[in-house]
Amino acid sequence: MTADLSNAKWFKSSRSSGGNECVEVAHLDNGHVGVRDSKNAPGPALVFTPGEWDAFTAGVRGGEFDRS
């Protein structure tokens, strides 16, 4: 999926330490969500549909990606 990210307002988690090694997120048009690496801001970004983003965040909250 291709999205225009030129006007995206990127933000980091409030739990971020404020450094440059973070994941940044932007809420885009039509409910899409952009994700990028803060160390490479002009680089590529992933773009998720609302359903994909909801499934991902539900998995994070549910521990699906824990390293146990």
Protein backbone atom coordinates (compact mmCIF):
# COMPACT_ATOMS: atom_id res chain seq x y z
CA MET A 1 0.00 0.00 0.00
CA THR A 2 1.25 3.47 -0.83
CA ALA A 3 0.31 6.51 1.21
CA ASP A 4 1.25 10.17 1.12
CA LEU A 5 3.33 10.71 4.27
CA SER A 6 4.43 14.28 3.48
CA ASN A 7 2.03 15.85 6.01
CA ALA A 8 2.12 13.05 8.58
CA LYS A 9 2.51 14.12 12.21
CA TRP A 10 4.79 11.49 13.71
CA PHE A 11 4.91 10.78 17.43
CA LYS A 12 6.69 8.46 19.84
CA SER A 13 5.21 6.55 22.73
CA SER A 14 4.92 8.41 26.02
CA ARG A 15 6.92 5.47 27.42
CA SER A 16 9.81 6.27 25.12
CA SER A 17 13.02 7.42 26.77
CA GLY A 18 13.16 10.33 24.33
CA GLY A 19 16.18 9.01 22.44
CA ASN A 20 16.42 8.43 18.72
CA GLU A 21 16.02 4.66 18.85
CA CYS A 22 12.24 4.49 18.81
CA VAL A 23 9.35 3.53 16.65
CA GLU A 24 7.24 6.48 15.51
CA VAL A 25 3.58 6.31 14.56
CA ALA A 26 1.36 8.65 12.51
CA HIS A 27 -2.41 8.54 12.09
CA LEU A 28 -3.11 9.00 8.39
CA ASP A 29 -6.15 9.57 6.17
CA ASN A 30 -8.92 6.96 6.13
CA GLY A 31 -7.80 5.55 9.49
CA HIS A 32 -4.53 4.18 8.15
CA VAL A 33 -1.52 4.14 10.47
CA GLY A 34 2.10 4.74 9.47
CA VAL A 35 5.05 3.28 11.40
CA ARG A 36 8.70 4.19 10.94
CA ASP A 37 12.10 3.92 12.61
CA SER A 38 13.06 7.22 14.25
CA LYS A 39 16.74 6.61 13.41
CA ASN A 40 15.85 6.78 9.71
CA ALA A 41 12.99 9.29 9.52
CA PRO A 42 13.29 9.94 5.76
CA GLY A 43 13.49 6.20 5.11
CA PRO A 44 10.65 3.77 4.43
CA ALA A 45 7.55 3.46 6.55
CA LEU A 46 5.03 0.67 6.97
CA VAL A 47 1.39 1.62 6.41
CA PHE A 48 -1.40 -0.42 8.02
CA THR A 49 -5.14 -0.43 7.39
CA PRO A 50 -7.33 0.23 10.44
CA GLY A 51 -8.10 -3.51 10.75
CA GLU A 52 -4.44 -4.50 10.52
CA TRP A 53 -3.47 -1.92 13.14
CA ASP A 54 -6.27 -3.04 15.48
CA ALA A 55 -5.18 -6.69 15.15
CA PHE A 56 -1.55 -5.76 15.83
CA THR A 57 -2.27 -3.64 18.90
CA ALA A 58 -4.64 -6.32 20.26
CA GLY A 59 -1.83 -8.85 19.87
CA VAL A 60 0.60 -6.57 21.72
CA ARG A 61 -1.86 -6.06 24.57
CA GLY A 62 -2.57 -9.80 24.68
CA GLY A 63 1.11 -10.77 24.95
CA GLU A 64 1.22 -12.42 21.53
CA PHE A 65 4.69 -11.01 20.85
CA ASP A 66 6.24 -11.54 24.31
CA ARG A 67 9.61 -13.28 24.32
CA SER A 68 8.85 -15.88 26.96
